[in-house]
Amino acid sequence: MGNRPLAVRLLGAGLASVLLAACSGGGTVAPAAPQTRPQVTARVTFTMNWNDPSGQSLRRTPKYVPASARSVGVAVNGGTAQVLNNPATTLAIDAPVGNDTFGFVLYDAANGSGNVLSRATVTQAIVLATANTVSAVLNGVVASLAVALSNASPNAGTPATVNVNVTAKDADGNTIIGSANYSAPITLAVNDPSSSGMLALSTTTVASPAAAPTLTYSGGALNSGLAGGPTVTVVASATGIAPASAPFTPAPTFYQFAIPVGTNKPQWIAAGSDGNMWFTESPGNAVARITPSGTVTEFPIPTAASNPQGIIGASDGNLWFTEFATNKIGKLTPAGVYTEFATLLTPPDGPNGLVDRGDGTVWYAATSGDRIGFQGITSGVSGETAVTTPNAQPFWIAAGVDNNLYFTESAPGIDKIGRTSGIFGTIGEVALTAGSTPQQIVRGPDGNLWFIEAGNGGSRTGMIGRLSPSTFTVINEFAPATATAFNSGNAGIATGLDGAMWFTEPNADRIGRVTMSGIVSEFVSPVTGLGMKGIAVGPDGSLWIAETGTGGNPGRIGRFVY
């Protein structure tokens, strides 16, 4: 019985159908081994539907034989490939009856040369006297990648899920399409320089063009895309191919939260050990707690009309704050239990800003008494000493990396920063530009002291100053983009998640940012009349702002996520 024709159709979509109807085959007997049974082969005819430039073949689905394909090589069981050149459509090959492995390789040049565009391998049992169907799917060979996000800049602070769109192209720049797998999988990863933990991919492997990976953002501070800072990217890569990436930069966004009584006017704010933010209210005479979702609870201070001001989260896990009008230092547990300590010397002291020195003491600047003092966190010991310059009105105090204490002298015409090692230490002073009016001072991530210069509302506009503890000199002053940002009003400053200094602009309804290299930028709140004052970093890296309200507007708490 003679061989029957065997038809193999390689569809333009990347699907190869092989119908075999051979009922017999032929072979030879090797002279050296007469006992060996002859190998039975069958003639297999391949039919190729080339993709034409007119696009007609694109109507067939699924599809991936690009128009630039010029030849296809077909090998049986790893043997030498036979080649079919475009536009010829049929190729006849002798294939052994039994389990055969067919290899298909598509090229962009004639005679099986040039770039490989796609390939497939399929093993099929070829049976005589029956119709056999062999199906093979051509897998596009990826030569280049691109990746894009469906929404690269959702509002920071709001959870979002975005599509990760991966485009793979072959060596001719054709986009690989269809449901077939790529010849090798593509790997996805998130490059998050801040290790925020805010991002998750639905999958890290893209096997085919049909895959639909997503990126989920939990809504916290990501620190991506700000001037001078890092940028989060989603990276697609594959072996031997240059990776591609897409930036993910949530848009910095303000959120506003009402307080129970708008006239209570939040003053300063700090992070608590319980994961909430805590702030002082005056004239509300309370310390209040706000949860990350914005629920506010007020805790009235035992001493009436105390005018609470500065507040910190101290190393003992409690909140410590100053009672400006009643000359006391207060302690509040996260459970809402108060303890109050009278300042040491004859009133009025007017304690204002304060800092946990890290040695078991909380230090404060006594504005009305021209003193600085401390209260032991657990020892009960306290102390005070006068500053050198009379009527200096020390406003805030910070602990330096050199273990000295630095405080601002904010009285009009004084314009100094003082330094001392403690109650019995010598107080040194450095003079600032006249009219600077220094206010809050904090230690920055660079080990220097950063402070607000509120200005005098006239000849001297507001600035951000940086003082070196090693030389005890002001090494930089940075001007906000808005000249009247402070306008002699009280403003706050804090170190952000991003390692930059963030400050409030009470006269402009903005917050500002200055990097260690001196890049200054501003972010405008869509709400006006806020009277931004204290600023602090929350557990998730967001910035929380105490807003006193101006022009009859209520006090609020703001949150800024970037």
Protein backbone atom coordinates (compact mmCIF):
# COMPACT_ATOMS: atom_id res chain seq x y z
CA MET A 1 0.00 0.00 0.00
CA GLY A 2 1.42 3.33 -1.01
CA ASN A 3 1.81 6.46 1.11
CA ARG A 4 -1.08 8.87 1.30
CA PRO A 5 -0.57 12.62 1.39
CA LEU A 6 -0.29 14.14 4.89
CA ALA A 7 -1.46 17.72 5.23
CA VAL A 8 -0.10 20.11 7.86
CA ARG A 9 -1.66 23.55 8.06
CA LEU A 10 0.27 26.26 9.90
CA LEU A 11 -2.29 29.00 10.42
CA GLY A 12 -1.38 32.67 10.31
CA ALA A 13 -2.58 32.86 13.90
CA GLY A 14 0.19 30.67 15.15
CA LEU A 15 -1.90 27.45 15.18
CA ALA A 16 -0.55 24.51 13.20
CA SER A 17 -3.01 21.74 12.37
CA VAL A 18 -1.60 18.48 11.02
CA LEU A 19 -4.00 15.92 9.52
CA LEU A 20 -2.37 12.56 8.83
CA ALA A 21 -4.18 9.83 6.87
CA ALA A 22 -1.27 7.54 5.97
CA CYS A 23 -2.03 3.85 6.00
CA SER A 24 1.43 2.54 5.15
CA GLY A 25 5.00 3.63 4.70
CA GLY A 26 8.23 2.62 3.15
CA GLY A 27 11.82 2.12 4.22
CA THR A 28 15.09 0.29 3.66
CA VAL A 29 17.07 -2.42 5.45
CA ALA A 30 20.61 -1.56 6.45
CA PRO A 31 23.08 -4.15 5.06
CA ALA A 32 25.08 -4.23 8.30
CA ALA A 33 22.05 -5.13 10.38
CA PRO A 34 19.66 -7.22 8.36
CA GLN A 35 17.69 -8.05 11.49
CA THR A 36 16.72 -4.34 12.07
CA ARG A 37 13.17 -3.53 11.15
CA PRO A 38 12.84 -0.82 8.54
CA GLN A 39 11.78 2.67 9.75
CA VAL A 40 8.31 3.50 8.50
CA THR A 41 7.95 7.08 7.32
CA ALA A 42 5.10 9.10 6.00
CA ARG A 43 5.10 12.10 3.77
CA VAL A 44 3.86 15.15 5.70
CA THR A 45 2.77 18.15 3.70
CA PHE A 46 2.76 21.50 5.54
CA THR A 47 0.50 24.30 4.40
CA MET A 48 1.42 27.80 5.52
CA ASN A 49 -0.94 30.76 5.54
CA TRP A 50 1.31 33.80 5.42
CA ASN A 51 0.22 37.06 6.95
CA ASP A 52 -0.14 39.57 4.13
CA PRO A 53 0.65 43.28 4.40
CA SER A 54 -2.90 44.17 3.36
CA GLY A 55 -4.07 42.99 6.76
CA GLN A 56 -6.55 40.45 5.34
CA SER A 57 -5.05 37.64 7.39
CA LEU A 58 -5.49 39.65 10.57
CA ARG A 59 -9.14 38.75 10.39
CA ARG A 60 -8.22 35.19 11.30
CA THR A 61 -8.07 34.58 15.05
CA PRO A 62 -6.09 33.83 17.04
CA LYS A 63 -3.22 35.40 15.17
CA TYR A 64 0.51 35.95 15.24
CA VAL A 65 2.43 35.55 12.05
CA PRO A 66 3.70 39.07 11.40
CA ALA A 67 3.72 40.55 7.93
CA SER A 68 7.50 40.69 8.05
CA ALA A 69 7.76 36.87 8.18
CA ARG A 70 9.69 35.57 5.14
CA SER A 71 10.41 31.92 5.86
CA VAL A 72 9.57 29.09 8.23
CA GLY A 73 11.83 26.21 9.17
CA VAL A 74 10.36 22.83 10.10
CA ALA A 75 12.47 20.15 11.75
CA VAL A 76 11.43 16.65 12.80
CA ASN A 77 12.98 15.10 15.90
CA GLY A 78 15.78 17.64 16.02
CA GLY A 79 16.94 16.96 12.51
CA THR A 80 17.96 19.42 9.87
CA ALA A 81 15.21 21.90 9.27
CA GLN A 82 13.60 22.20 5.88
CA VAL A 83 12.55 25.68 4.90
CA LEU A 84 9.51 27.14 3.24
CA ASN A 85 9.95 30.62 1.81
CA ASN A 86 7.19 33.19 1.56
CA PRO A 87 5.02 33.22 -0.61
CA ALA A 88 5.21 29.44 -1.20
CA THR A 89 2.59 27.75 0.94
CA THR A 90 3.41 24.01 1.03
CA LEU A 91 6.34 21.96 2.22
CA ALA A 92 6.61 18.15 2.15
CA ILE A 93 8.65 16.29 4.80
CA ASP A 94 9.11 12.59 5.56
CA ALA A 95 8.28 11.95 9.23
CA PRO A 96 8.72 8.63 11.03
CA VAL A 97 5.56 6.90 12.21
CA GLY A 98 5.49 7.00 16.03
CA ASN A 99 6.16 9.81 18.47
CA ASP A 100 7.61 12.74 16.54
CA THR A 101 8.69 16.14 17.75
CA PHE A 102 8.04 18.91 15.26
CA GLY A 103 9.94 22.17 15.62
CA PHE A 104 8.76 25.35 13.88
CA VAL A 105 10.81 28.55 13.63
CA LEU A 106 9.58 31.68 11.85
CA TYR A 107 12.17 34.08 10.36
CA ASP A 108 12.11 37.57 8.88
CA ALA A 109 14.44 36.63 6.01
CA ALA A 110 14.40 33.94 3.32
CA ASN A 111 15.97 30.50 3.66
CA GLY A 112 15.66 30.31 7.43
CA SER A 113 17.88 33.31 8.07
CA GLY A 114 17.55 36.65 9.77
CA ASN A 115 15.78 37.27 13.04
CA VAL A 116 13.64 34.68 14.74
CA LEU A 117 10.10 36.02 15.12
CA SER A 118 8.34 33.06 16.71
CA ARG A 119 8.82 29.39 17.42
CA ALA A 120 6.93 26.32 18.56
CA THR A 121 7.66 22.72 19.48
CA VAL A 122 5.06 19.97 19.62
CA THR A 123 5.34 16.20 20.09
CA GLN A 124 2.69 14.04 18.49
CA ALA A 125 2.17 10.29 18.01
CA ILE A 126 1.83 9.64 14.29
CA VAL A 127 -0.38 6.62 13.69
CA LEU A 128 -0.86 4.78 10.40
CA ALA A 129 -4.23 4.21 8.81
CA THR A 130 -5.90 7.01 10.72
CA ALA A 131 -6.37 10.74 10.53
CA ASN A 132 -3.90 12.46 12.87
CA THR A 133 -4.17 16.08 13.97
CA VAL A 134 -1.16 17.94 15.28
CA SER A 135 -1.72 21.37 16.78
CA ALA A 136 1.11 23.77 17.51
CA VAL A 137 0.99 27.30 18.83
CA LEU A 138 3.63 29.74 17.65
CA ASN A 139 5.20 31.58 20.58
CA GLY A 140 6.38 35.09 19.79
CA VAL A 141 10.08 35.63 20.52
CA VAL A 142 10.42 38.79 22.56
CA ALA A 143 13.16 41.19 21.46
CA SER A 144 12.08 44.38 23.23
CA LEU A 145 9.71 45.46 25.98
CA ALA A 146 7.61 48.44 26.99
CA VAL A 147 5.46 48.90 30.05
CA ALA A 148 2.82 51.51 30.90
CA LEU A 149 0.33 52.01 33.71
CA SER A 150 -3.32 52.78 33.12
CA ASN A 151 -3.12 55.47 35.82
CA ALA A 152 0.41 56.40 36.83
CA SER A 153 -0.64 59.21 39.16
CA PRO A 154 -3.69 58.42 41.28
CA ASN A 155 -4.30 60.63 44.30
CA ALA A 156 -1.79 59.85 47.02
CA GLY A 157 -3.59 58.72 50.15
CA THR A 158 -6.41 56.92 48.30
CA PRO A 159 -6.03 53.16 47.64
CA ALA A 160 -6.00 52.33 43.94
CA THR A 161 -5.49 49.41 41.58
CA VAL A 162 -4.10 50.15 38.13
CA ASN A 163 -3.48 48.01 35.08
CA VAL A 164 0.10 47.18 34.14
CA ASN A 165 0.19 47.12 30.35
CA VAL A 166 3.16 45.17 29.01
CA THR A 167 3.97 45.40 25.32
CA ALA A 168 6.36 42.84 23.87
CA LYS A 169 7.77 43.24 20.38
CA ASP A 170 9.66 40.90 18.12
CA ALA A 171 12.96 41.68 16.43
CA ASP A 172 11.19 43.58 13.66
CA GLY A 173 9.28 45.81 16.06
CA ASN A 174 5.99 43.98 15.57
CA THR A 175 3.83 43.86 18.69
CA ILE A 176 3.31 40.25 19.71
CA ILE A 177 -0.41 39.60 20.02
CA GLY A 178 -2.79 36.72 20.49
CA SER A 179 -3.39 34.19 23.23
CA ALA A 180 -0.22 32.16 22.72
CA ASN A 181 2.54 32.33 25.30
CA TYR A 182 5.72 34.24 24.70
CA SER A 183 8.74 32.09 23.92
CA ALA A 184 9.98 32.96 27.43
CA PRO A 185 8.02 34.59 30.26
CA ILE A 186 8.36 38.24 31.17
CA THR A 187 9.10 39.11 34.79
CA LEU A 188 7.49 42.05 36.60
CA ALA A 189 8.88 43.74 39.71
CA VAL A 190 8.33 46.92 41.70
CA ASN A 191 11.35 49.12 42.33
CA ASP A 192 10.45 51.03 45.49
CA PRO A 193 13.56 52.87 46.77
CA SER A 194 11.85 53.79 50.04
CA SER A 195 10.72 50.20 50.75
CA SER A 196 7.33 51.64 51.62
CA GLY A 197 5.43 48.36 51.60
CA MET A 198 2.56 50.21 49.93
CA LEU A 199 2.59 48.36 46.59
CA ALA A 200 1.78 44.85 45.41
CA LEU A 201 1.64 43.24 41.96
CA SER A 202 -1.09 40.72 41.16
CA THR A 203 1.57 38.56 39.49
CA THR A 204 5.28 38.76 38.83
CA THR A 205 5.13 36.68 35.63
CA VAL A 206 3.60 37.68 32.30
CA ALA A 207 3.38 34.55 30.18
CA SER A 208 1.40 35.84 27.21
CA PRO A 209 -0.11 38.97 25.63
CA ALA A 210 -3.44 37.93 27.16
CA ALA A 211 -2.14 38.41 30.71
CA ALA A 212 -3.65 41.33 32.64
CA PRO A 213 -1.41 42.13 35.63
CA THR A 214 -2.34 44.90 38.05
CA LEU A 215 -0.56 47.06 40.62
CA THR A 216 -2.31 47.75 43.93
CA TYR A 217 -1.45 50.83 45.99
CA SER A 218 -2.60 50.79 49.61
CA GLY A 219 -2.83 54.57 49.88
CA GLY A 220 0.01 55.54 52.23
CA ALA A 221 2.91 57.91 51.72
CA LEU A 222 5.03 56.52 48.91
CA ASN A 223 7.63 59.26 48.35
CA SER A 224 7.78 58.93 44.60
CA GLY A 225 8.52 61.59 42.01
CA LEU A 226 9.21 64.62 44.19
CA ALA A 227 11.99 66.99 43.16
CA GLY A 228 15.39 65.58 44.11
CA GLY A 229 13.80 62.38 45.41
CA PRO A 230 13.37 58.78 44.24
CA THR A 231 10.77 57.49 41.81
CA VAL A 232 8.93 54.21 42.15
CA THR A 233 8.87 52.17 38.94
CA VAL A 234 7.29 48.98 37.68
CA VAL A 235 9.96 47.04 35.79
CA ALA A 236 9.43 44.44 33.07
CA SER A 237 12.36 42.22 32.16
CA ALA A 238 13.21 39.05 30.27
CA THR A 239 16.42 37.11 29.76
CA GLY A 240 18.78 38.79 27.33
CA ILE A 241 16.53 41.82 26.81
CA ALA A 242 16.91 45.37 28.09
CA PRO A 243 14.36 45.94 30.86
CA ALA A 244 11.60 48.52 30.53
CA SER A 245 10.01 50.53 33.31
CA ALA A 246 7.09 52.83 34.03
CA PRO A 247 7.02 55.39 36.84
CA PHE A 248 4.33 55.29 39.51
CA THR A 249 4.01 58.73 41.05
CA PRO A 250 0.81 59.32 43.06
CA ALA A 251 -0.26 62.94 42.98
CA PRO A 252 0.47 64.72 46.31
CA THR A 253 -2.93 65.31 47.88
CA PHE A 254 -4.39 67.24 50.82
CA TYR A 255 -7.15 65.85 53.02
CA GLN A 256 -9.08 67.80 55.65
CA PHE A 257 -10.69 66.56 58.87
CA ALA A 258 -13.10 68.52 61.01
CA ILE A 259 -12.69 68.69 64.77
CA PRO A 260 -15.68 68.49 67.15
CA VAL A 261 -15.60 72.24 67.92
CA GLY A 262 -14.13 74.31 65.11
CA THR A 263 -13.27 77.24 67.40
CA ASN A 264 -10.94 75.07 69.48
CA LYS A 265 -8.07 75.82 67.08
CA PRO A 266 -5.44 73.07 66.80
CA GLN A 267 -1.95 74.43 67.56
CA TRP A 268 0.81 71.79 67.37
CA ILE A 269 0.73 68.11 66.50
CA ALA A 270 2.81 64.96 67.12
CA ALA A 271 2.73 61.23 66.44
CA GLY A 272 1.77 58.99 69.35
CA SER A 273 3.02 55.54 70.17
CA ASP A 274 -0.48 54.17 69.51
CA GLY A 275 -0.38 54.88 65.75
CA ASN A 276 -2.56 57.99 66.08
CA MET A 277 -1.77 61.69 65.87
CA TRP A 278 -2.20 63.95 68.90
CA PHE A 279 -2.61 67.71 68.93
CA THR A 280 -3.13 70.58 71.32
CA GLU A 281 -6.22 72.78 71.16
CA SER A 282 -6.30 76.36 72.36
CA PRO A 283 -8.71 77.92 73.29
CA GLY A 284 -10.22 74.45 73.48
CA ASN A 285 -7.96 73.62 76.47
CA ALA A 286 -7.61 70.02 75.39
CA VAL A 287 -5.27 67.51 73.88
CA ALA A 288 -7.02 65.60 71.10
CA ARG A 289 -6.38 62.38 69.24
CA ILE A 290 -7.09 61.78 65.57
CA THR A 291 -7.02 58.31 64.05
CA PRO A 292 -5.64 57.65 60.56
CA SER A 293 -9.23 57.60 59.29
CA GLY A 294 -9.98 61.00 60.81
CA THR A 295 -11.93 60.21 64.00
CA VAL A 296 -11.21 62.88 66.63
CA THR A 297 -11.45 62.43 70.41
CA GLU A 298 -10.78 65.33 72.78
CA PHE A 299 -9.31 65.00 76.28
CA PRO A 300 -9.95 68.14 78.39
CA ILE A 301 -6.90 69.26 80.38
CA PRO A 302 -7.46 69.23 84.17
CA THR A 303 -6.13 72.77 84.59
CA ALA A 304 -8.52 75.33 83.16
CA ALA A 305 -7.42 77.89 80.57
CA SER A 306 -3.96 76.34 80.33
CA ASN A 307 -3.35 77.37 76.70
CA PRO A 308 -1.63 74.12 75.60
CA GLN A 309 1.03 74.59 72.94
CA GLY A 310 3.95 72.33 71.98
CA ILE A 311 3.44 68.55 72.02
CA ILE A 312 5.73 65.57 71.40
CA GLY A 313 5.53 61.80 71.49
CA ALA A 314 8.20 60.93 74.06
CA SER A 315 10.33 57.84 74.58
CA ASP A 316 8.09 56.56 77.41
CA GLY A 317 5.21 56.11 74.93
CA ASN A 318 3.25 59.06 76.34
CA LEU A 319 2.42 62.50 74.98
CA TRP A 320 4.16 65.45 76.63
CA PHE A 321 2.97 69.01 76.12
CA THR A 322 3.33 72.51 77.49
CA GLU A 323 0.69 74.56 79.29
CA PHE A 324 1.76 78.07 78.34
CA ALA A 325 -0.69 80.06 80.46
CA THR A 326 -0.44 78.02 83.67
CA ASN A 327 3.30 77.28 83.71
CA LYS A 328 3.06 73.51 83.61
CA ILE A 329 4.39 70.55 81.67
CA GLY A 330 1.72 67.95 80.99
CA LYS A 331 1.87 64.23 80.34
CA LEU A 332 -0.97 62.30 78.73
CA THR A 333 -1.07 58.55 78.28
CA PRO A 334 -2.61 57.11 75.09
CA ALA A 335 -5.43 55.92 77.35
CA GLY A 336 -6.24 59.53 78.27
CA VAL A 337 -4.75 59.81 81.78
CA TYR A 338 -3.15 63.16 82.67
CA THR A 339 -0.24 64.10 84.93
CA GLU A 340 0.82 67.73 85.30
CA PHE A 341 4.13 69.17 86.55
CA ALA A 342 4.60 72.80 87.57
CA THR A 343 7.67 74.45 86.10
CA LEU A 344 10.37 75.07 88.66
CA LEU A 345 10.93 78.81 88.99
CA THR A 346 8.69 81.78 89.73
CA PRO A 347 5.97 82.29 87.11
CA PRO A 348 5.36 83.38 84.52
CA ASP A 349 7.37 80.82 82.60
CA GLY A 350 5.19 80.34 79.52
CA PRO A 351 6.59 76.95 78.42
CA ASN A 352 6.23 76.59 74.67
CA GLY A 353 8.26 74.22 72.50
CA LEU A 354 9.75 71.02 73.92
CA VAL A 355 11.92 68.02 73.00
CA ASP A 356 12.77 64.58 74.36
CA ARG A 357 16.52 64.78 74.82
CA GLY A 358 16.88 60.99 74.84
CA ASP A 359 18.43 60.83 78.31
CA GLY A 360 15.24 60.48 80.34
CA THR A 361 14.39 64.18 80.31
CA VAL A 362 11.98 66.39 78.39
CA TRP A 363 13.33 69.91 77.83
CA TYR A 364 11.23 72.99 77.14
CA ALA A 365 11.66 76.61 76.15
CA ALA A 366 9.99 78.96 78.64
CA THR A 367 9.09 81.93 76.46
CA SER A 368 7.70 84.25 79.13
CA GLY A 369 10.39 83.49 81.72
CA ASP A 370 13.40 83.71 79.37
CA ARG A 371 14.48 80.28 80.55
CA ILE A 372 14.96 76.75 79.38
CA GLY A 373 14.18 73.84 81.65
CA PHE A 374 13.61 70.11 81.93
CA GLN A 375 11.30 67.60 83.53
CA GLY A 376 12.41 64.06 84.27
CA ILE A 377 10.29 61.54 82.41
CA THR A 378 10.28 59.04 85.27
CA SER A 379 12.61 60.54 87.89
CA GLY A 380 10.42 63.48 88.91
CA VAL A 381 13.52 65.69 88.88
CA SER A 382 13.20 69.08 87.18
CA GLY A 383 15.34 72.15 86.62
CA GLU A 384 15.51 75.53 84.88
CA THR A 385 18.12 78.08 83.93
CA ALA A 386 17.94 81.57 82.49
CA VAL A 387 19.13 82.28 78.98
CA THR A 388 21.93 84.78 78.47
CA THR A 389 20.11 87.56 76.62
CA PRO A 390 17.37 89.33 78.61
CA ASN A 391 13.87 89.33 77.12
CA ALA A 392 14.97 86.82 74.48
CA GLN A 393 11.67 84.88 74.54
CA PRO A 394 13.01 81.40 73.78
CA PHE A 395 10.43 79.76 71.55
CA TRP A 396 11.48 76.16 70.81
CA ILE A 397 14.26 73.76 71.73
CA ALA A 398 15.97 70.81 70.00
CA ALA A 399 18.63 68.24 70.88
CA GLY A 400 21.66 68.18 68.61
CA VAL A 401 23.76 65.23 67.51
CA ASP A 402 26.49 66.63 69.75
CA ASN A 403 24.16 66.20 72.77
CA ASN A 404 23.85 69.95 73.20
CA LEU A 405 20.52 71.75 73.37
CA TYR A 406 19.69 74.41 70.81
CA PHE A 407 16.93 76.97 71.29
CA THR A 408 15.53 79.87 69.32
CA GLU A 409 15.26 83.39 70.75
CA SER A 410 12.24 84.85 69.03
CA ALA A 411 11.74 88.29 70.60
CA PRO A 412 11.68 91.17 68.09
CA GLY A 413 15.17 92.54 67.67
CA ILE A 414 16.91 89.58 69.38
CA ASP A 415 17.18 87.09 66.50
CA LYS A 416 19.54 84.53 68.01
CA ILE A 417 19.97 80.81 68.49
CA GLY A 418 21.35 79.65 71.82
CA ARG A 419 23.26 76.51 72.72
CA THR A 420 24.01 74.83 76.04
CA SER A 421 25.01 71.43 77.37
CA GLY A 422 22.50 71.59 80.19
CA ILE A 423 21.39 73.42 83.33
CA PHE A 424 24.93 74.14 84.44
CA GLY A 425 26.46 74.51 80.99
CA THR A 426 27.69 77.71 79.42
CA ILE A 427 25.19 79.25 77.03
CA GLY A 428 26.55 80.35 73.69
CA GLU A 429 24.62 82.35 71.12
CA VAL A 430 24.81 82.90 67.39
CA ALA A 431 23.28 86.03 65.89
CA LEU A 432 20.93 85.79 62.90
CA THR A 433 20.02 88.37 60.31
CA ALA A 434 18.02 91.18 61.89
CA GLY A 435 14.29 90.57 61.68
CA SER A 436 14.64 86.79 61.29
CA THR A 437 12.41 85.93 64.28
CA PRO A 438 13.46 82.27 64.70
CA GLN A 439 10.75 79.90 65.88
CA GLN A 440 10.51 76.11 65.77
CA ILE A 441 13.87 74.31 65.58
CA VAL A 442 14.41 70.59 64.96
CA ARG A 443 17.29 68.27 64.17
CA GLY A 444 17.40 67.28 60.52
CA PRO A 445 18.45 63.99 58.93
CA ASP A 446 21.81 65.54 58.03
CA GLY A 447 22.65 66.18 61.70
CA ASN A 448 22.19 69.93 61.33
CA LEU A 449 19.60 72.08 63.09
CA TRP A 450 16.80 73.36 60.87
CA PHE A 451 14.61 76.23 61.97
CA ILE A 452 11.84 78.55 60.91
CA GLU A 453 12.65 82.23 60.40
CA ALA A 454 9.19 83.80 60.49
CA GLY A 455 10.44 87.24 59.44
CA ASN A 456 9.23 90.54 60.80
CA GLY A 457 6.41 91.19 58.35
CA GLY A 458 8.41 93.97 56.73
CA SER A 459 12.08 94.24 55.80
CA ARG A 460 12.82 90.59 56.52
CA THR A 461 10.73 87.89 54.85
CA GLY A 462 10.49 84.34 56.10
CA MET A 463 13.28 81.82 55.52
CA ILE A 464 14.29 78.29 56.43
CA GLY A 465 17.64 78.24 58.21
CA ARG A 466 20.20 75.46 58.66
CA LEU A 467 22.76 75.62 61.46
CA SER A 468 25.82 73.39 61.77
CA PRO A 469 26.41 72.10 65.32
CA SER A 470 30.08 71.51 64.59
CA THR A 471 30.79 75.15 63.71
CA PHE A 472 27.80 76.71 65.45
CA THR A 473 27.12 78.86 62.40
CA VAL A 474 24.19 79.24 60.04
CA ILE A 475 25.37 77.56 56.86
CA ASN A 476 22.27 78.06 54.68
CA GLU A 477 19.06 80.02 54.45
CA PHE A 478 16.38 78.99 51.96
CA ALA A 479 13.55 81.24 50.85
CA PRO A 480 10.09 79.78 50.27
CA ALA A 481 8.76 80.36 46.79
CA THR A 482 6.03 82.51 48.32
CA ALA A 483 7.73 85.56 49.89
CA THR A 484 4.93 86.16 52.39
CA ALA A 485 4.56 82.49 53.33
CA PHE A 486 5.20 83.14 57.03
CA ASN A 487 4.56 86.88 57.32
CA SER A 488 5.73 86.71 60.95
CA GLY A 489 3.17 84.00 61.79
CA ASN A 490 3.98 80.86 63.76
CA ALA A 491 5.08 78.04 61.45
CA GLY A 492 6.18 74.46 61.99
CA ILE A 493 8.93 72.30 60.53
CA ALA A 494 9.53 68.54 60.52
CA THR A 495 11.65 65.90 58.81
CA GLY A 496 9.66 63.94 56.24
CA LEU A 497 9.73 60.31 55.19
CA ASP A 498 11.68 61.43 52.14
CA GLY A 499 14.56 62.91 54.18
CA ALA A 500 13.58 66.48 53.27
CA MET A 501 12.39 69.20 55.61
CA TRP A 502 8.70 70.09 55.42
CA PHE A 503 7.26 73.31 56.78
CA THR A 504 3.95 75.08 57.05
CA GLU A 505 3.19 78.42 55.42
CA PRO A 506 0.43 79.88 57.63
CA ASN A 507 -0.07 82.96 55.47
CA ALA A 508 -0.33 81.10 52.17
CA ASP A 509 -2.33 77.89 52.80
CA ARG A 510 0.64 75.87 51.59
CA ILE A 511 3.26 73.53 52.87
CA GLY A 512 6.83 73.79 51.67
CA ARG A 513 9.62 71.31 51.18
CA VAL A 514 13.37 71.82 51.10
CA THR A 515 15.80 69.01 50.32
CA MET A 516 19.22 68.62 51.85
CA SER A 517 20.64 70.00 48.60
CA GLY A 518 18.46 73.10 48.84
CA ILE A 519 15.69 72.38 46.33
CA VAL A 520 12.60 74.27 47.52
CA SER A 521 9.07 73.45 46.38
CA GLU A 522 5.55 74.24 47.56
CA PHE A 523 2.21 72.45 47.59
CA VAL A 524 -0.97 74.50 47.59
CA SER A 525 -4.01 73.36 49.53
CA PRO A 526 -7.29 73.57 47.60
CA VAL A 527 -8.89 74.82 50.84
CA THR A 528 -8.12 78.37 51.98
CA GLY A 529 -8.17 80.06 55.36
CA LEU A 530 -6.49 77.12 57.08
CA GLY A 531 -3.88 78.91 59.18
CA MET A 532 -1.44 76.00 59.01
CA LYS A 533 0.81 75.79 62.07
CA GLY A 534 2.28 72.61 63.56
CA ILE A 535 3.38 69.76 61.29
CA ALA A 536 4.44 66.19 62.07
CA VAL A 537 5.00 62.87 60.32
CA GLY A 538 2.49 60.08 60.89
CA PRO A 539 3.20 56.35 61.16
CA ASP A 540 2.61 55.83 57.42
CA GLY A 541 4.82 58.77 56.43
CA SER A 542 1.95 61.18 55.75
CA LEU A 543 2.30 64.73 56.99
CA TRP A 544 -0.29 65.87 59.52
CA ILE A 545 -0.96 69.56 60.02
CA ALA A 546 -2.55 71.50 62.86
CA GLU A 547 -4.70 74.21 61.28
CA THR A 548 -5.93 77.02 63.51
CA GLY A 549 -8.27 78.52 60.91
CA THR A 550 -8.16 82.16 59.80
CA GLY A 551 -10.76 84.76 58.89
CA GLY A 552 -13.55 83.01 60.73
CA ASN A 553 -12.75 79.61 59.25
CA PRO A 554 -12.87 76.66 61.64
CA GLY A 555 -9.86 74.86 63.00
CA ARG A 556 -9.08 71.55 61.33
CA ILE A 557 -6.50 68.85 61.01
CA GLY A 558 -4.94 68.42 57.61
CA ARG A 559 -3.22 65.41 56.14
CA PHE A 560 -0.86 65.62 53.19
CA VAL A 561 0.12 62.42 51.40
CA TYR A 562 2.83 62.24 48.76
